[in-house]
């Protein structure tokens, strides 16, 4: 049912929200992998000797993951639809994984663009931008379908969710940790 719901919501079918359960167990199952990956990343960083960075990064990522359900709950309550928040939050958590097929489609599209004469850097920027727009649209659509909102209320929820999750995602750098970088000199 989850894959059917993802497929339906991913292509703009509002009935896909019905494929998700609004139970605490379903919500916990949707949340588990979103917590597990930051935990593993923090453990790897901690084993590398940087406990402070590991702890701050873990806390910021867990807060960012948990902020979306909190925003969903508060807006559902504000709009008089608290009975719909848990199913909507569950669907939003699962929809995070739509990034994987989006990346595959973007890689194909990027290669077509490069073959058509686009510069590699421009093709990358274009397809990354398209992925970002698609994921923003998807979050907006899940808010709209899940809480049965009009376009503007769902847009307001999208803006609020981006502000709150963005704040928590930026927290490590606000705390003075260096921005992540890729050291290309160590690659073969």
Protein backbone atom coordinates (compact mmCIF):
# COMPACT_ATOMS: atom_id res chain seq x y z
CA UNK A 1 0.00 0.00 0.00
CA UNK A 2 2.84 2.40 0.76
CA UNK A 3 4.38 2.02 -2.70
CA UNK A 4 0.98 2.48 -4.33
CA UNK A 5 0.43 5.60 -2.26
CA UNK A 6 3.85 6.96 -3.17
CA UNK A 7 3.26 6.27 -6.84
CA UNK A 8 -0.16 7.92 -6.78
CA UNK A 9 0.89 10.96 -4.75
CA UNK A 10 4.07 11.26 -6.80
CA UNK A 11 2.05 11.70 -9.97
CA UNK A 12 -0.58 14.00 -8.51
CA UNK A 13 -3.39 11.62 -7.61
CA UNK A 14 -4.97 12.91 -4.39
CA UNK A 15 -6.56 9.52 -3.71
CA UNK A 16 -3.06 8.21 -3.02
CA UNK A 17 -3.32 9.67 0.48
CA UNK A 18 -5.84 6.92 1.25
CA UNK A 19 -3.11 4.31 0.84
CA UNK A 20 -1.46 5.54 4.05
CA UNK A 21 -2.62 4.65 7.52
CA UNK A 22 -3.18 7.24 10.21
CA UNK A 23 -2.10 5.04 13.10
CA UNK A 24 0.77 5.72 15.50
CA UNK A 25 2.40 2.47 14.36
CA UNK A 26 2.33 3.51 10.69
CA UNK A 27 3.74 6.92 11.62
CA UNK A 28 6.54 5.30 13.66
CA UNK A 29 7.38 2.99 10.75
CA UNK A 30 7.60 5.96 8.39
CA UNK A 31 9.80 7.86 10.82
CA UNK A 32 12.26 5.06 11.64
CA UNK A 33 14.46 5.24 8.51
CA UNK A 34 14.47 9.03 8.62
CA UNK A 35 15.96 8.85 12.11
CA UNK A 36 18.23 5.87 11.43
CA UNK A 37 20.26 7.48 8.64
CA UNK A 38 21.25 10.58 10.66
CA UNK A 39 22.06 8.32 13.60
CA UNK A 40 24.43 6.22 11.50
CA UNK A 41 26.02 9.36 10.06
CA UNK A 42 26.54 10.75 13.54
CA UNK A 43 28.11 7.49 14.72
CA UNK A 44 30.53 7.54 11.79
CA UNK A 45 31.46 11.15 12.58
CA UNK A 46 31.85 10.33 16.28
CA UNK A 47 34.06 7.32 15.55
CA UNK A 48 36.18 9.69 13.45
CA UNK A 49 36.79 11.65 16.65
CA UNK A 50 34.53 14.67 16.26
CA UNK A 51 31.95 14.11 18.99
CA UNK A 52 30.77 17.71 19.08
CA UNK A 53 30.01 17.80 15.36
CA UNK A 54 28.35 14.38 15.54
CA UNK A 55 26.06 15.38 18.38
CA UNK A 56 25.09 18.76 16.93
CA UNK A 57 24.51 17.28 13.46
CA UNK A 58 22.43 14.42 14.88
CA UNK A 59 20.29 16.73 16.99
CA UNK A 60 19.72 19.17 14.13
CA UNK A 61 18.76 16.41 11.70
CA UNK A 62 16.44 14.70 14.15
CA UNK A 63 14.81 18.06 14.93
CA UNK A 64 14.44 18.76 11.19
CA UNK A 65 12.80 15.35 10.67
CA UNK A 66 10.46 15.83 13.63
CA UNK A 67 9.63 19.44 12.72
CA UNK A 68 7.59 18.44 9.68
CA UNK A 69 5.07 16.34 11.65
CA UNK A 70 4.86 19.09 14.29
CA UNK A 71 4.13 21.72 11.64
CA UNK A 72 1.59 19.35 10.07
CA UNK A 73 -0.13 18.82 13.41
CA UNK A 74 -0.27 22.50 14.27
CA UNK A 75 -1.68 23.53 10.91
CA UNK A 76 -4.19 20.64 10.97
CA UNK A 77 -5.33 21.83 14.38
CA UNK A 78 -5.44 25.45 13.22
CA UNK A 79 -7.54 24.51 10.18
CA UNK A 80 -9.91 22.33 12.22
CA UNK A 81 -8.71 19.02 10.78
CA UNK A 82 -6.71 17.39 13.58
CA UNK A 83 -8.10 13.97 12.67
CA UNK A 84 -6.16 14.09 9.36
CA UNK A 85 -2.70 15.08 10.61
CA UNK A 86 -1.26 11.66 11.42
CA UNK A 87 -2.05 10.14 8.02
CA UNK A 88 -0.70 13.28 6.31
CA UNK A 89 2.49 13.23 8.40
CA UNK A 90 2.96 9.53 7.62
CA UNK A 91 2.57 10.18 3.89
CA UNK A 92 5.01 13.10 4.05
CA UNK A 93 7.61 10.93 5.75
CA UNK A 94 7.31 8.23 3.10
CA UNK A 95 7.32 10.79 0.28
CA UNK A 96 10.87 11.71 1.29
CA UNK A 97 11.93 8.59 -0.61
CA UNK A 98 10.59 9.97 -3.90
CA UNK A 99 13.95 11.69 -4.17
CA UNK A 100 15.51 8.37 -5.27
CA UNK A 101 13.47 7.81 -8.45
CA UNK A 102 13.65 11.57 -9.09
CA UNK A 103 17.45 11.34 -9.08
CA UNK A 104 17.35 8.45 -11.55
CA UNK A 105 15.08 10.38 -13.91
CA UNK A 106 17.26 13.47 -13.48
CA UNK A 107 20.42 11.51 -14.30
CA UNK A 108 18.83 10.29 -17.51
CA UNK A 109 17.56 13.76 -18.38
CA UNK A 110 20.97 15.26 -17.59
CA UNK A 111 22.73 12.82 -19.89
CA UNK A 112 20.25 13.63 -22.68
CA UNK A 113 20.88 17.35 -22.16
CA UNK A 114 24.66 16.88 -22.29
CA UNK A 115 24.33 14.82 -25.47
CA UNK A 116 22.18 17.61 -26.91
CA UNK A 117 25.00 20.10 -26.32
CA UNK A 118 24.39 21.53 -22.84
CA UNK A 119 27.47 22.09 -20.72
CA UNK A 120 27.70 19.50 -17.94
CA UNK A 121 27.54 22.07 -15.15
CA UNK A 122 24.44 23.73 -16.61
CA UNK A 123 22.73 20.39 -17.17
CA UNK A 124 23.44 19.41 -13.56
CA UNK A 125 22.05 22.69 -12.25
CA UNK A 126 18.95 22.36 -14.41
CA UNK A 127 18.12 18.80 -13.35
CA UNK A 128 18.88 19.51 -9.68
CA UNK A 129 16.57 22.50 -9.87
CA UNK A 130 13.88 20.32 -11.42
CA UNK A 131 14.26 17.75 -8.63
CA UNK A 132 13.94 20.51 -6.05
CA UNK A 133 10.83 21.93 -7.71
CA UNK A 134 9.27 18.49 -7.97
CA UNK A 135 9.91 17.75 -4.29
CA UNK A 136 8.48 21.13 -3.28
CA UNK A 137 5.42 20.48 -5.41
CA UNK A 138 5.04 17.02 -3.88
CA UNK A 139 5.15 18.32 -0.31
CA UNK A 140 2.61 21.01 -1.20
CA UNK A 141 0.40 18.41 -2.88
CA UNK A 142 0.52 16.06 0.12
CA UNK A 143 -0.42 18.94 2.43
CA UNK A 144 -3.29 19.83 0.11
CA UNK A 145 -4.56 16.26 -0.37
CA UNK A 146 -3.87 15.00 3.13
CA UNK A 147 -5.46 17.86 5.06
CA UNK A 148 -8.00 18.61 2.33
CA UNK A 149 -6.82 22.21 1.98
CA UNK A 150 -7.17 24.84 -0.68
CA UNK A 151 -4.17 25.90 -2.74
CA UNK A 152 -3.26 28.89 -0.56
CA UNK A 153 -3.45 27.16 2.80
CA UNK A 154 -1.28 24.35 1.47
CA UNK A 155 1.17 26.94 0.13
CA UNK A 156 1.30 28.61 3.55
CA UNK A 157 2.01 25.22 5.14
CA UNK A 158 4.76 24.59 2.59
CA UNK A 159 6.42 27.92 3.41
CA UNK A 160 6.18 27.31 7.16
CA UNK A 161 7.53 23.76 6.86
CA UNK A 162 10.47 24.94 4.75
CA UNK A 163 11.30 27.71 7.22
CA UNK A 164 11.21 25.42 10.26
CA UNK A 165 13.03 22.45 8.72
CA UNK A 166 15.52 24.81 7.06
CA UNK A 167 16.31 26.40 10.40
CA UNK A 168 17.05 23.04 12.00
CA UNK A 169 19.05 21.87 8.99
CA UNK A 170 21.21 25.00 9.24
CA UNK A 171 21.65 24.72 13.01
CA UNK A 172 25.10 23.07 12.87
CA UNK A 173 26.47 25.98 10.85
CA UNK A 174 24.69 28.48 13.05
CA UNK A 175 26.47 26.76 15.95
CA UNK A 176 29.81 27.48 14.29
CA UNK A 177 30.58 24.15 12.67
CA UNK A 178 32.26 24.41 9.26
CA UNK A 179 30.19 23.87 6.15
CA UNK A 180 30.58 20.40 4.69
CA UNK A 181 32.94 20.11 1.81
CA UNK A 182 34.37 17.47 -0.44
CA UNK A 183 38.12 17.07 -0.44
CA UNK A 184 38.79 16.09 -4.04
CA UNK A 185 42.54 15.81 -3.50
CA UNK A 186 42.18 12.46 -1.74
CA UNK A 187 40.22 10.89 -4.61
CA UNK A 188 42.11 8.80 -7.17
